[in-house]
């Protein structure tokens, strides 16, 4: 079989979150003629997951391919958020080069540095695409200097300083070499990929080596392995072995059932494929990310990139509240356990461990967003469970000293808020590493801060900057523990009994703080129904009704004026909860509760701890 690898280009699109990667892929698909002229195509066509479309972020890496002239360009769209860095790290193994997308106004951001560093470690050539050139505030010349400074800062080789620069407006669907000239399509970028990104390496005459970088699942064909053929060729019904680089004892004999190549947004079935192609294969039950599919002639695995370790953990528990089982479809520990362990098959950054209790599982991830997206997916699938407060994962050094994860954060705020931000983050053990004026009248602040210090800070940051500040973070390193960080300053208002919240009871409680429930909602003993600004936990009776007398009817409650309840999102709840609280998660609602529901038992527990 003749290899056509000189006509193949494998390229990953990498960037900081919200710099326009997925919209750029839309533009490349349109320019290559994947869609009919009259076809109605929605924006961000690669973001197929509901949560991705709602939040405007890419969570899962996706493959597509476009034909341009007589070349096939395999494109991998990667996540931009630091919490999904594990996705980026492993899919770069499929690429022979990268397109680095940078916002024409914001310039290089923390995640730009992270993904670029990973590309440099793999010696992947880079094309720089300065996107959103149509923005009024665009400053392309300054961005070029900032990117070259970043290359030098990351000790990039000289060849990277000669990387081609392309200017684009993904939203308007054009790319150009001169930012003052507007073109009709993205062909300039496609031509640059063909000219600058090398053809895949590998020898077609050697035994098959297919490195699995991502997996999928289908109800009809079972597990699907996706990766790049590094050597040789693969045919339907071939005999092969699945081999793991770290565990060579687990060799498994398989028969390749079907082979698919990518074309546009489709997977096209083929009889055979050769070195350099990115393919999906079936008949591979039991395969995992990082495994190699080998020919029987050479059963040796290819090395796989080491994925960065998780930094946060939380407990997933079976729901045992008084309202358990009312709204969820999957509620047992066996169902929750099976779903969590199934997630490990596709998410290499996640860890799931059994605990001493059969009703609790410890789940570790890369950050709050990583864990909250998992929780949201489970909730939408019909699972009902509870989660604890996220905890930071500590390590010990050789001398037995405790190390904690440190994050680099970049903040852009109006000058009037700078003092408040520095003061608040100082209390959370952050160190200011850089401060400089940014574009648009903003000031850019850069800090190193313990991950502990960021938990619970997001909503406070939004309040302190009146919603105008922008904060981005990335994991930096493990360093010595920085000491105590103050806990949240508010206490909880806790329901005294189980029943229906009344306007009369809520009216009395709202003078104590901010309420999370409205009149008519069901509550239970030990449920957190509000926050108390004085920092104390208070039991309140929100089910109390006004007694009817000869003088006045109980319906006189209706004249009471209640403030609208504060409805918190999942991320806000995870930031708000304390160590003695849990978030109850069902397909229809979020509830906050104390771990110990009974007030007397809670009091005794606190007393015993002292």
Protein backbone atom coordinates (compact mmCIF):
# COMPACT_ATOMS: atom_id res chain seq x y z
CA UNK A 1 0.00 0.00 0.00
CA UNK A 2 1.39 3.40 -0.96
CA UNK A 3 1.53 6.04 1.80
CA UNK A 4 0.10 9.48 1.02
CA UNK A 5 1.46 11.04 4.20
CA UNK A 6 3.15 13.86 2.23
CA UNK A 7 -0.40 15.06 1.43
CA UNK A 8 -1.49 15.03 5.11
CA UNK A 9 -1.13 17.78 7.71
CA UNK A 10 -2.06 17.23 11.38
CA UNK A 11 -2.50 20.50 13.28
CA UNK A 12 -3.86 21.42 16.73
CA UNK A 13 -5.52 24.78 17.38
CA UNK A 14 -4.35 26.06 20.79
CA UNK A 15 -5.14 29.27 22.67
CA UNK A 16 -6.26 30.90 25.90
CA UNK A 17 -9.96 30.55 26.68
CA UNK A 18 -12.25 32.83 24.60
CA UNK A 19 -9.61 33.86 22.04
CA UNK A 20 -11.67 32.34 19.20
CA UNK A 21 -10.29 28.84 18.49
CA UNK A 22 -13.63 27.14 17.84
CA UNK A 23 -14.91 30.05 15.72
CA UNK A 24 -11.65 29.86 13.73
CA UNK A 25 -12.29 26.15 13.05
CA UNK A 26 -15.78 27.15 11.80
CA UNK A 27 -14.10 29.53 9.35
CA UNK A 28 -11.66 26.86 8.11
CA UNK A 29 -14.54 24.41 7.57
CA UNK A 30 -16.50 27.02 5.59
CA UNK A 31 -13.47 28.08 3.49
CA UNK A 32 -12.70 24.46 2.55
CA UNK A 33 -16.25 23.90 1.22
CA UNK A 34 -17.41 21.41 3.87
CA UNK A 35 -20.82 23.09 4.00
CA UNK A 36 -23.19 23.66 1.07
CA UNK A 37 -23.68 27.29 0.06
CA UNK A 38 -27.27 27.36 1.30
CA UNK A 39 -26.62 25.21 4.42
CA UNK A 40 -27.69 26.72 7.74
CA UNK A 41 -24.66 26.31 10.03
CA UNK A 42 -24.80 27.29 13.69
CA UNK A 43 -21.87 29.14 15.29
CA UNK A 44 -19.15 27.14 17.11
CA UNK A 45 -20.19 23.96 15.32
CA UNK A 46 -17.42 21.96 17.09
CA UNK A 47 -18.85 22.75 20.55
CA UNK A 48 -21.43 19.97 20.43
CA UNK A 49 -21.83 19.46 24.18
CA UNK A 50 -24.74 21.43 25.79
CA UNK A 51 -22.52 22.78 28.60
CA UNK A 52 -19.91 23.92 26.03
CA UNK A 53 -22.54 25.88 24.09
CA UNK A 54 -24.09 27.41 27.23
CA UNK A 55 -20.79 28.54 28.75
CA UNK A 56 -19.05 29.44 25.50
CA UNK A 57 -16.02 27.27 26.31
CA UNK A 58 -14.50 24.14 24.77
CA UNK A 59 -14.23 21.29 27.30
CA UNK A 60 -13.52 18.25 25.11
CA UNK A 61 -10.99 18.18 22.27
CA UNK A 62 -12.58 17.36 18.89
CA UNK A 63 -11.24 16.13 15.56
CA UNK A 64 -12.25 17.31 12.11
CA UNK A 65 -10.60 17.27 8.71
CA UNK A 66 -10.75 19.54 5.68
CA UNK A 67 -9.67 18.97 2.09
CA UNK A 68 -7.80 21.89 0.54
CA UNK A 69 -6.48 21.55 -3.01
CA UNK A 70 -5.20 17.94 -2.90
CA UNK A 71 -4.15 18.05 0.78
CA UNK A 72 -5.99 16.64 3.78
CA UNK A 73 -5.68 18.78 6.93
CA UNK A 74 -6.64 17.05 10.19
CA UNK A 75 -7.62 19.76 12.69
CA UNK A 76 -7.84 19.22 16.46
CA UNK A 77 -9.82 21.85 18.41
CA UNK A 78 -8.55 21.94 22.01
CA UNK A 79 -9.92 23.45 25.26
CA UNK A 80 -8.58 26.84 26.37
CA UNK A 81 -9.34 26.70 30.09
CA UNK A 82 -6.51 25.61 32.43
CA UNK A 83 -8.79 23.09 34.18
CA UNK A 84 -8.97 21.06 30.95
CA UNK A 85 -5.22 21.17 30.28
CA UNK A 86 -5.11 17.36 30.40
CA UNK A 87 -7.14 17.33 27.17
CA UNK A 88 -4.58 19.64 25.50
CA UNK A 89 -1.53 17.71 26.71
CA UNK A 90 -2.61 14.36 25.27
CA UNK A 91 -4.11 15.51 21.94
CA UNK A 92 -0.90 17.36 21.05
CA UNK A 93 0.55 13.84 20.62
CA UNK A 94 -1.58 13.57 17.44
CA UNK A 95 -0.35 16.87 15.97
CA UNK A 96 2.72 17.66 13.87
CA UNK A 97 2.33 21.40 14.45
CA UNK A 98 0.11 23.98 16.14
CA UNK A 99 -1.79 27.14 15.26
CA UNK A 100 -1.47 29.46 18.26
CA UNK A 101 -4.52 31.78 18.35
CA UNK A 102 -4.09 35.07 20.23
CA UNK A 103 -6.68 37.82 20.74
CA UNK A 104 -5.68 41.02 18.85
CA UNK A 105 -6.59 43.10 21.90
CA UNK A 106 -5.87 40.97 24.98
CA UNK A 107 -2.58 39.49 23.75
CA UNK A 108 -0.90 36.44 25.35
CA UNK A 109 -2.67 35.31 28.55
CA UNK A 110 -1.76 32.69 31.21
CA UNK A 111 -3.20 29.75 29.31
CA UNK A 112 -1.41 30.87 26.11
CA UNK A 113 1.83 30.33 28.01
CA UNK A 114 0.72 26.91 29.30
CA UNK A 115 -0.32 25.42 25.94
CA UNK A 116 2.69 26.92 24.16
CA UNK A 117 5.08 25.39 26.69
CA UNK A 118 3.53 21.96 26.00
CA UNK A 119 3.97 22.47 22.23
CA UNK A 120 7.63 23.48 22.71
CA UNK A 121 8.28 20.36 24.84
CA UNK A 122 7.12 18.25 21.87
CA UNK A 123 9.12 20.42 19.37
CA UNK A 124 5.98 21.20 17.37
CA UNK A 125 6.36 24.08 14.87
CA UNK A 126 3.93 26.97 15.48
CA UNK A 127 1.94 29.29 13.24
CA UNK A 128 0.76 32.40 15.12
CA UNK A 129 -2.75 33.55 14.23
CA UNK A 130 -3.69 36.96 15.66
CA UNK A 131 -7.48 36.72 15.78
CA UNK A 132 -10.29 39.29 16.22
CA UNK A 133 -8.39 41.77 14.01
CA UNK A 134 -11.76 43.43 13.31
CA UNK A 135 -12.00 44.70 16.93
CA UNK A 136 -11.80 48.49 17.26
CA UNK A 137 -9.20 48.15 20.03
CA UNK A 138 -7.02 45.70 18.01
CA UNK A 139 -3.27 46.39 18.38
CA UNK A 140 -1.57 43.83 16.10
CA UNK A 141 1.95 45.31 16.10
CA UNK A 142 2.17 45.35 19.90
CA UNK A 143 0.77 41.80 20.06
CA UNK A 144 3.54 40.56 17.71
CA UNK A 145 6.17 41.99 20.12
CA UNK A 146 4.38 40.45 23.14
CA UNK A 147 4.31 37.00 21.48
CA UNK A 148 7.99 37.15 20.54
CA UNK A 149 8.77 38.22 24.15
CA UNK A 150 6.79 35.18 25.34
CA UNK A 151 8.79 32.88 23.01
CA UNK A 152 12.04 34.23 24.48
CA UNK A 153 10.68 33.93 28.04
CA UNK A 154 9.86 30.25 27.40
CA UNK A 155 13.38 29.63 25.98
CA UNK A 156 12.02 28.78 22.55
CA UNK A 157 14.55 27.82 19.86
CA UNK A 158 15.53 30.33 17.18
CA UNK A 159 13.30 28.62 14.63
CA UNK A 160 10.23 29.71 16.65
CA UNK A 161 11.21 33.38 16.34
CA UNK A 162 10.75 32.97 12.56
CA UNK A 163 7.23 31.52 12.92
CA UNK A 164 4.75 32.91 10.34
CA UNK A 165 2.20 35.45 11.62
CA UNK A 166 -1.32 35.41 10.14
CA UNK A 167 -4.03 37.96 10.97
CA UNK A 168 -7.65 36.84 11.05
CA UNK A 169 -11.22 37.65 11.93
CA UNK A 170 -12.72 34.22 12.61
CA UNK A 171 -16.15 35.77 13.11
CA UNK A 172 -16.08 37.45 9.67
CA UNK A 173 -14.38 34.40 8.14
CA UNK A 174 -11.15 35.78 6.67
CA UNK A 175 -7.39 35.50 7.18
CA UNK A 176 -4.62 37.70 5.75
CA UNK A 177 -0.86 38.20 5.91
CA UNK A 178 -1.26 41.97 6.06
CA UNK A 179 -3.63 43.19 8.80
CA UNK A 180 -4.57 46.27 6.72
CA UNK A 181 -5.91 44.10 3.89
CA UNK A 182 -9.19 42.17 4.10
CA UNK A 183 -9.54 38.93 2.12
CA UNK A 184 -12.58 36.82 1.21
CA UNK A 185 -11.85 33.61 3.15
CA UNK A 186 -9.41 31.60 5.29
CA UNK A 187 -7.34 30.24 2.39
CA UNK A 188 -4.22 32.18 3.51
CA UNK A 189 -4.20 30.25 6.79
CA UNK A 190 -4.87 26.91 5.05
CA UNK A 191 -1.98 27.54 2.62
CA UNK A 192 0.34 28.51 5.50
CA UNK A 193 -0.52 25.24 7.31
CA UNK A 194 0.35 23.25 4.15
CA UNK A 195 3.63 25.15 3.60
CA UNK A 196 4.85 25.40 7.19
CA UNK A 197 3.57 22.36 9.11
CA UNK A 198 5.66 19.28 8.20
CA UNK A 199 4.19 16.05 6.89
CA UNK A 200 3.75 13.31 9.53
CA UNK A 201 6.85 11.27 10.43
CA UNK A 202 6.86 7.47 10.36
CA UNK A 203 7.67 4.57 8.02
CA UNK A 204 4.89 2.71 6.22
CA UNK A 205 7.08 -0.39 5.88
CA UNK A 206 7.44 -0.86 9.64
CA UNK A 207 4.95 -2.80 11.83
CA UNK A 208 1.76 -0.97 12.88
CA UNK A 209 1.94 1.50 15.78
CA UNK A 210 -1.25 3.46 16.58
CA UNK A 211 -1.07 5.63 19.73
CA UNK A 212 -4.51 6.19 21.31
CA UNK A 213 -4.88 9.85 22.38
CA UNK A 214 -8.63 9.94 22.99
CA UNK A 215 -11.51 7.49 23.31
CA UNK A 216 -15.21 7.54 22.52
CA UNK A 217 -18.14 5.21 23.11
CA UNK A 218 -21.05 4.13 20.93
CA UNK A 219 -24.08 2.07 21.99
CA UNK A 220 -23.77 0.12 18.71
CA UNK A 221 -20.03 -0.65 18.41
CA UNK A 222 -18.75 -0.14 22.00
CA UNK A 223 -15.37 1.47 22.68
CA UNK A 224 -13.75 3.58 19.96
CA UNK A 225 -10.04 4.43 20.05
CA UNK A 226 -8.85 7.60 18.29
CA UNK A 227 -5.22 8.38 17.51
CA UNK A 228 -2.50 8.89 14.92
CA UNK A 229 -0.86 6.02 13.04
CA UNK A 230 2.81 6.49 13.92
CA UNK A 231 4.12 3.61 11.77
CA UNK A 232 2.88 1.04 9.28
CA UNK A 233 -0.72 0.64 8.13
CA UNK A 234 -3.98 -0.78 9.51
CA UNK A 235 -6.66 -2.86 7.76
CA UNK A 236 -10.12 -4.06 8.74
CA UNK A 237 -10.07 -7.46 10.51
CA UNK A 238 -6.32 -7.18 11.23
CA UNK A 239 -5.05 -9.03 14.27
CA UNK A 240 -3.39 -6.59 16.72
CA UNK A 241 -2.39 -6.14 20.34
CA UNK A 242 -3.30 -3.40 22.84
CA UNK A 243 -0.16 -2.55 24.85
CA UNK A 244 0.26 -0.08 27.74
CA UNK A 245 3.60 1.76 28.08
CA UNK A 246 3.54 1.71 31.90
CA UNK A 247 2.06 -1.77 32.35
CA UNK A 248 3.52 -4.18 29.82
CA UNK A 249 1.82 -7.19 31.45
CA UNK A 250 -1.64 -6.17 30.19
CA UNK A 251 -1.17 -7.07 26.50
CA UNK A 252 -4.56 -7.88 24.97
CA UNK A 253 -5.18 -9.54 21.59
CA UNK A 254 -7.89 -7.89 19.43
CA UNK A 255 -9.37 -7.91 15.94
CA UNK A 256 -9.83 -4.50 14.33
CA UNK A 257 -13.53 -4.33 13.34
CA UNK A 258 -13.97 -0.95 11.60
CA UNK A 259 -11.65 1.92 10.66
CA UNK A 260 -12.83 5.51 10.22
CA UNK A 261 -11.05 8.60 8.91
CA UNK A 262 -12.26 12.14 9.59
CA UNK A 263 -13.80 14.26 6.84
CA UNK A 264 -15.46 17.54 7.75
CA UNK A 265 -17.67 16.78 10.76
CA UNK A 266 -18.17 13.14 9.72
CA UNK A 267 -16.32 9.88 10.34
CA UNK A 268 -15.97 8.06 7.01
CA UNK A 269 -15.50 4.27 7.09
CA UNK A 270 -12.43 3.02 5.15
CA UNK A 271 -10.99 -0.47 4.56
CA UNK A 272 -7.45 0.56 5.45
CA UNK A 273 -5.37 3.56 6.48
CA UNK A 274 -1.65 4.27 6.66
CA UNK A 275 1.01 6.16 8.59
CA UNK A 276 0.30 9.83 9.37
CA UNK A 277 -3.50 9.57 9.36
CA UNK A 278 -5.68 10.26 12.39
CA UNK A 279 -8.18 7.42 12.62
CA UNK A 280 -10.94 6.02 14.85
CA UNK A 281 -11.01 2.23 15.27
CA UNK A 282 -13.59 -0.17 16.76
CA UNK A 283 -13.24 -3.69 18.13
CA UNK A 284 -10.99 -2.35 20.88
CA UNK A 285 -12.90 -3.14 24.11
CA UNK A 286 -10.81 -2.36 27.18
CA UNK A 287 -8.61 0.20 25.44
CA UNK A 288 -7.49 3.29 27.42
CA UNK A 289 -5.97 6.64 26.57
CA UNK A 290 -2.18 6.23 26.22
CA UNK A 291 -2.36 2.62 24.95
CA UNK A 292 -0.70 1.59 21.69
CA UNK A 293 -2.31 -0.70 19.10
CA UNK A 294 0.61 -2.79 17.78
CA UNK A 295 1.13 -5.33 15.04
CA UNK A 296 1.95 -8.89 16.31
CA UNK A 297 5.38 -8.45 14.66
CA UNK A 298 6.44 -5.76 17.18
CA UNK A 299 4.50 -5.71 20.46
CA UNK A 300 6.14 -2.64 22.05
CA UNK A 301 4.21 0.40 23.28
CA UNK A 302 5.01 3.99 22.33
CA UNK A 303 5.78 6.41 25.22
CA UNK A 304 2.86 8.63 26.25
CA UNK A 305 2.98 12.18 27.65
CA UNK A 306 2.82 12.42 31.45
CA UNK A 307 -0.43 14.20 32.37
CA UNK A 308 -0.23 16.91 35.06
CA UNK A 309 -1.58 15.79 38.42
CA UNK A 310 -4.89 16.99 39.96
CA UNK A 311 -4.77 19.81 42.55
CA UNK A 312 -8.30 19.70 44.06
CA UNK A 313 -10.41 16.90 45.53
CA UNK A 314 -13.97 16.55 46.82
CA UNK A 315 -16.17 13.74 48.09
CA UNK A 316 -19.16 12.52 46.07
CA UNK A 317 -21.71 10.96 48.45
CA UNK A 318 -25.03 9.14 48.14
CA UNK A 319 -27.86 11.58 48.91
CA UNK A 320 -29.23 10.84 52.40
CA UNK A 321 -31.25 14.01 52.99
CA UNK A 322 -34.97 13.89 53.91
CA UNK A 323 -35.75 14.69 50.23
CA UNK A 324 -33.51 11.92 48.80
CA UNK A 325 -34.82 10.02 45.78
CA UNK A 326 -37.58 12.49 44.88
CA UNK A 327 -36.04 13.95 41.73
CA UNK A 328 -33.18 11.69 40.63
CA UNK A 329 -33.24 8.65 38.38
CA UNK A 330 -29.87 7.19 39.52
CA UNK A 331 -29.44 7.43 43.29
CA UNK A 332 -27.62 4.32 44.56
CA UNK A 333 -23.92 4.09 45.43
CA UNK A 334 -23.44 1.39 42.76
CA UNK A 335 -24.87 3.63 40.03
CA UNK A 336 -22.81 6.65 41.12
CA UNK A 337 -19.65 4.52 41.40
CA UNK A 338 -20.07 3.01 37.90
CA UNK A 339 -20.64 6.46 36.35
CA UNK A 340 -17.58 8.00 38.04
CA UNK A 341 -15.30 5.15 36.99
CA UNK A 342 -16.70 5.35 33.44
CA UNK A 343 -15.63 9.02 33.34
CA UNK A 344 -12.01 7.92 33.93
CA UNK A 345 -12.05 6.24 30.50
CA UNK A 346 -12.25 9.59 28.71
CA UNK A 347 -10.86 12.11 31.25
CA UNK A 348 -7.16 11.48 31.91
CA UNK A 349 -6.86 14.36 34.43
CA UNK A 350 -9.48 12.90 36.78
CA UNK A 351 -8.86 10.52 39.70
CA UNK A 352 -11.56 8.50 41.51
CA UNK A 353 -10.81 6.58 44.72
CA UNK A 354 -12.88 4.37 46.98
CA UNK A 355 -13.11 5.57 50.61
CA UNK A 356 -13.73 3.76 53.91
CA UNK A 357 -17.47 4.18 53.28
CA UNK A 358 -19.37 2.42 50.49
CA UNK A 359 -21.52 5.57 50.11
CA UNK A 360 -18.64 7.99 49.43
CA UNK A 361 -16.05 8.41 46.62
CA UNK A 362 -13.11 10.81 46.53
CA UNK A 363 -12.82 12.59 43.17
CA UNK A 364 -9.74 14.67 42.28
CA UNK A 365 -9.50 17.14 39.39
CA UNK A 366 -7.55 20.06 37.97
CA UNK A 367 -9.72 22.83 39.43
CA UNK A 368 -13.18 23.98 40.47
CA UNK A 369 -14.41 24.28 36.86
CA UNK A 370 -13.17 20.79 36.00
CA UNK A 371 -15.11 19.27 38.92
CA UNK A 372 -18.21 21.46 38.47
CA UNK A 373 -18.54 20.43 34.79
CA UNK A 374 -18.42 16.76 35.85
CA UNK A 375 -21.12 17.44 38.49
CA UNK A 376 -23.28 19.28 35.93
CA UNK A 377 -22.97 16.41 33.43
CA UNK A 378 -24.02 13.84 36.05
CA UNK A 379 -26.96 15.99 37.15
CA UNK A 380 -28.24 16.33 33.59
CA UNK A 381 -27.99 12.58 33.08
CA UNK A 382 -30.39 12.05 36.03
CA UNK A 383 -27.97 11.38 38.89
CA UNK A 384 -28.75 12.54 42.43
CA UNK A 385 -25.93 12.82 44.99
CA UNK A 386 -24.13 15.17 47.41
CA UNK A 387 -20.68 16.79 47.26
CA UNK A 388 -18.39 18.18 49.93
CA UNK A 389 -16.30 21.36 49.96
CA UNK A 390 -13.36 21.18 47.49
CA UNK A 391 -10.06 20.53 49.28
CA UNK A 392 -6.54 21.25 48.07
CA UNK A 393 -4.23 18.25 47.56
CA UNK A 394 -0.99 18.66 49.50
CA UNK A 395 2.33 16.85 48.97
CA UNK A 396 5.42 16.14 51.12
CA UNK A 397 8.96 16.97 50.00
CA UNK A 398 12.06 14.86 50.73
CA UNK A 399 12.49 16.56 54.14
CA UNK A 400 8.87 15.83 55.13
CA UNK A 401 7.76 19.46 54.71
CA UNK A 402 4.24 20.08 53.39
CA UNK A 403 3.94 21.48 49.86
CA UNK A 404 0.81 23.05 48.36
CA UNK A 405 -0.20 23.94 44.77
CA UNK A 406 0.51 27.54 43.73
CA UNK A 407 -1.31 29.24 40.85
CA UNK A 408 -0.29 32.21 38.71
CA UNK A 409 -3.19 34.60 38.24
CA UNK A 410 -3.51 37.53 35.89
CA UNK A 411 -6.10 40.21 36.71
CA UNK A 412 -7.20 43.14 34.51
CA UNK A 413 -9.14 45.78 36.50
CA UNK A 414 -9.95 49.48 36.53
CA UNK A 415 -7.38 51.47 38.50
CA UNK A 416 -9.91 52.34 41.23
CA UNK A 417 -10.16 48.66 42.29
CA UNK A 418 -6.41 47.92 42.39
CA UNK A 419 -6.02 48.72 46.13
CA UNK A 420 -8.96 46.49 47.11
CA UNK A 421 -7.69 43.55 45.02
CA UNK A 422 -4.13 43.76 46.43
CA UNK A 423 -5.49 43.98 50.01
CA UNK A 424 -7.94 41.05 49.60
CA UNK A 425 -5.42 38.78 47.88
CA UNK A 426 -2.73 39.72 50.41
CA UNK A 427 -4.98 38.26 53.13
CA UNK A 428 -5.15 35.07 51.03
CA UNK A 429 -1.30 34.77 51.01
CA UNK A 430 -0.89 35.98 47.41
CA UNK A 431 2.38 37.62 46.28
CA UNK A 432 2.22 40.43 43.71
CA UNK A 433 4.79 39.59 40.99
CA UNK A 434 4.00 42.25 38.39
CA UNK A 435 1.85 45.36 37.95
CA UNK A 436 1.64 47.36 34.74
CA UNK A 437 -0.85 49.45 32.78
CA UNK A 438 -2.91 47.37 30.34
CA UNK A 439 -4.90 48.36 27.26
CA UNK A 440 -8.23 50.20 27.51
CA UNK A 441 -7.38 52.03 30.77
CA UNK A 442 -7.04 48.81 32.78
CA UNK A 443 -4.23 47.84 35.15
CA UNK A 444 -2.81 44.32 34.85
CA UNK A 445 -1.88 42.63 38.13
CA UNK A 446 -0.02 39.32 38.28
CA UNK A 447 0.08 37.24 41.47
CA UNK A 448 1.32 33.89 42.72
CA UNK A 449 -1.33 32.54 45.10
CA UNK A 450 -2.00 29.20 46.85
CA UNK A 451 -4.88 27.28 45.27
CA UNK A 452 -6.49 27.39 48.75
CA UNK A 453 -6.61 31.18 48.48
CA UNK A 454 -8.60 31.06 45.24
CA UNK A 455 -11.34 28.79 46.60
CA UNK A 456 -14.29 31.01 47.42
CA UNK A 457 -12.75 34.15 45.91
CA UNK A 458 -14.53 34.24 42.52
CA UNK A 459 -17.80 35.85 43.67
CA UNK A 460 -15.97 38.24 45.99
CA UNK A 461 -13.82 39.35 43.02
CA UNK A 462 -16.93 40.05 40.90
CA UNK A 463 -18.44 42.12 43.74
CA UNK A 464 -15.22 44.03 44.45
CA UNK A 465 -14.73 45.00 40.77
CA UNK A 466 -18.47 45.61 40.14
CA UNK A 467 -18.37 42.92 37.45
CA UNK A 468 -15.76 44.71 35.32
CA UNK A 469 -12.65 42.73 36.32
CA UNK A 470 -11.21 39.76 34.40
CA UNK A 471 -9.26 37.04 36.22
CA UNK A 472 -7.39 34.08 34.69
CA UNK A 473 -5.30 31.46 36.45
CA UNK A 474 -3.00 28.52 35.69
CA UNK A 475 -1.19 25.99 37.87
CA UNK A 476 2.45 27.00 38.45
CA UNK A 477 4.13 24.64 40.92
CA UNK A 478 4.07 22.98 44.32
CA UNK A 479 5.74 25.15 47.00
CA UNK A 480 6.02 25.31 50.79
CA UNK A 481 2.78 25.83 52.71
CA UNK A 482 2.09 29.56 53.16
CA UNK A 483 0.16 29.50 56.45
CA UNK A 484 -3.46 30.02 57.47
CA UNK A 485 -5.94 31.64 55.10
CA UNK A 486 -9.11 33.16 56.61
CA UNK A 487 -12.34 31.22 56.01
CA UNK A 488 -15.51 32.87 54.70
CA UNK A 489 -16.75 35.77 56.82
CA UNK A 490 -20.47 34.87 56.68
CA UNK A 491 -22.37 32.28 58.71
CA UNK A 492 -25.31 30.11 57.70
CA UNK A 493 -29.02 30.48 58.44
CA UNK A 494 -30.24 26.94 59.11
CA UNK A 495 -33.80 25.67 59.00
CA UNK A 496 -35.05 24.61 62.43
CA UNK A 497 -37.69 22.15 61.18
CA UNK A 498 -39.01 20.30 58.14
CA UNK A 499 -41.98 21.76 56.29
CA UNK A 500 -43.03 24.51 53.88
CA UNK A 501 -41.40 27.94 54.18
CA UNK A 502 -44.03 30.58 55.01
CA UNK A 503 -43.97 34.30 54.25
CA UNK A 504 -44.37 34.98 57.97
CA UNK A 505 -41.38 32.78 58.93
CA UNK A 506 -39.19 34.13 56.09
CA UNK A 507 -40.05 37.73 57.01
CA UNK A 508 -38.68 37.16 60.51
CA UNK A 509 -35.58 35.39 59.12
CA UNK A 510 -34.68 37.98 56.47
CA UNK A 511 -33.69 40.50 59.14
CA UNK A 512 -30.86 38.06 60.04
CA UNK A 513 -29.31 37.87 56.56
CA UNK A 514 -29.79 36.99 52.88
CA UNK A 515 -32.29 34.20 52.10
CA UNK A 516 -31.84 31.40 49.53
CA UNK A 517 -35.46 30.14 49.53
CA UNK A 518 -38.86 31.66 48.67
CA UNK A 519 -42.27 31.30 50.36
CA UNK A 520 -43.93 27.97 49.55
CA UNK A 521 -40.66 26.04 49.04
CA UNK A 522 -40.12 22.86 51.01
CA UNK A 523 -37.25 22.87 53.52
CA UNK A 524 -35.92 20.33 56.00
CA UNK A 525 -34.21 20.46 59.39
CA UNK A 526 -30.50 21.24 58.93
CA UNK A 527 -30.94 22.74 55.44
CA UNK A 528 -29.05 26.02 54.91
CA UNK A 529 -31.68 28.55 53.80
CA UNK A 530 -29.60 31.76 53.93
CA UNK A 531 -26.34 33.48 54.91
CA UNK A 532 -25.71 35.54 58.03
CA UNK A 533 -23.30 38.51 57.62
CA UNK A 534 -22.25 38.33 61.30
CA UNK A 535 -20.35 35.08 60.69
CA UNK A 536 -22.42 32.93 63.07
CA UNK A 537 -24.55 29.91 62.26
CA UNK A 538 -28.16 30.58 63.36
CA UNK A 539 -31.17 28.26 63.51
CA UNK A 540 -34.33 29.95 62.23
CA UNK A 541 -37.90 28.69 61.96
CA UNK A 542 -39.02 29.62 58.45
CA UNK A 543 -42.02 27.25 58.54
CA UNK A 544 -43.67 29.22 61.35
CA UNK A 545 -47.17 30.44 60.48
CA UNK A 546 -49.05 33.34 62.03
CA UNK A 547 -51.80 32.05 64.26
CA UNK A 548 -55.37 32.91 63.32
CA UNK A 549 -57.24 34.93 65.96
CA UNK A 550 -60.68 36.55 66.31
CA UNK A 551 -59.17 39.88 65.37
CA UNK A 552 -57.01 38.99 62.37
CA UNK A 553 -56.83 36.11 59.84
CA UNK A 554 -53.62 34.26 59.05
CA UNK A 555 -53.87 35.45 55.41
CA UNK A 556 -52.74 38.89 56.59
CA UNK A 557 -49.21 37.46 55.93
CA UNK A 558 -49.71 38.22 52.26
CA UNK A 559 -49.07 41.91 52.86
CA UNK A 560 -45.51 41.13 54.06
CA UNK A 561 -42.74 42.34 51.78
CA UNK A 562 -40.06 39.72 51.16
CA UNK A 563 -36.79 40.34 49.33
CA UNK A 564 -36.28 38.02 46.33
CA UNK A 565 -34.18 34.98 47.38
CA UNK A 566 -30.56 34.72 46.22
CA UNK A 567 -30.26 31.83 43.73
CA UNK A 568 -26.70 30.52 43.54
CA UNK A 569 -25.13 28.63 40.65
CA UNK A 570 -23.21 25.40 41.24
CA UNK A 571 -19.84 27.22 41.21
CA UNK A 572 -21.13 29.80 43.70
CA UNK A 573 -22.34 27.04 46.02
CA UNK A 574 -18.97 25.24 45.83
CA UNK A 575 -17.28 28.53 46.76
CA UNK A 576 -19.77 29.25 49.58
CA UNK A 577 -19.88 25.95 51.51
CA UNK A 578 -17.86 25.23 54.64
CA UNK A 579 -16.27 21.95 55.75
CA UNK A 580 -19.32 20.97 57.84
CA UNK A 581 -21.71 21.46 54.88
CA UNK A 582 -22.70 19.57 51.72
CA UNK A 583 -24.32 20.54 48.42
CA UNK A 584 -27.27 18.29 47.54
CA UNK A 585 -27.43 17.92 43.77
CA UNK A 586 -30.47 16.59 41.88
CA UNK A 587 -31.57 16.90 38.22
CA UNK A 588 -33.96 19.70 39.23
CA UNK A 589 -32.36 21.55 42.16
CA UNK A 590 -29.36 22.44 44.29
CA UNK A 591 -29.74 22.55 48.08
CA UNK A 592 -27.22 23.45 50.75
CA UNK A 593 -27.26 21.50 54.02
CA UNK A 594 -25.27 20.78 57.16
CA UNK A 595 -23.56 17.37 57.28
CA UNK A 596 -25.25 16.77 60.67
CA UNK A 597 -28.90 17.77 60.24
CA UNK A 598 -30.05 17.63 63.89
CA UNK A 599 -29.25 20.84 65.84
CA UNK A 600 -28.53 19.02 69.14
CA UNK A 601 -26.18 16.50 67.51
CA UNK A 602 -24.45 19.33 65.63
CA UNK A 603 -23.89 21.20 68.91
CA UNK A 604 -22.49 18.06 70.62
CA UNK A 605 -20.17 17.40 67.67
CA UNK A 606 -18.71 20.93 67.85
CA UNK A 607 -18.30 20.61 71.61
CA UNK A 608 -16.42 17.29 71.25
CA UNK A 609 -14.05 18.80 68.67
CA UNK A 610 -13.09 21.55 71.09
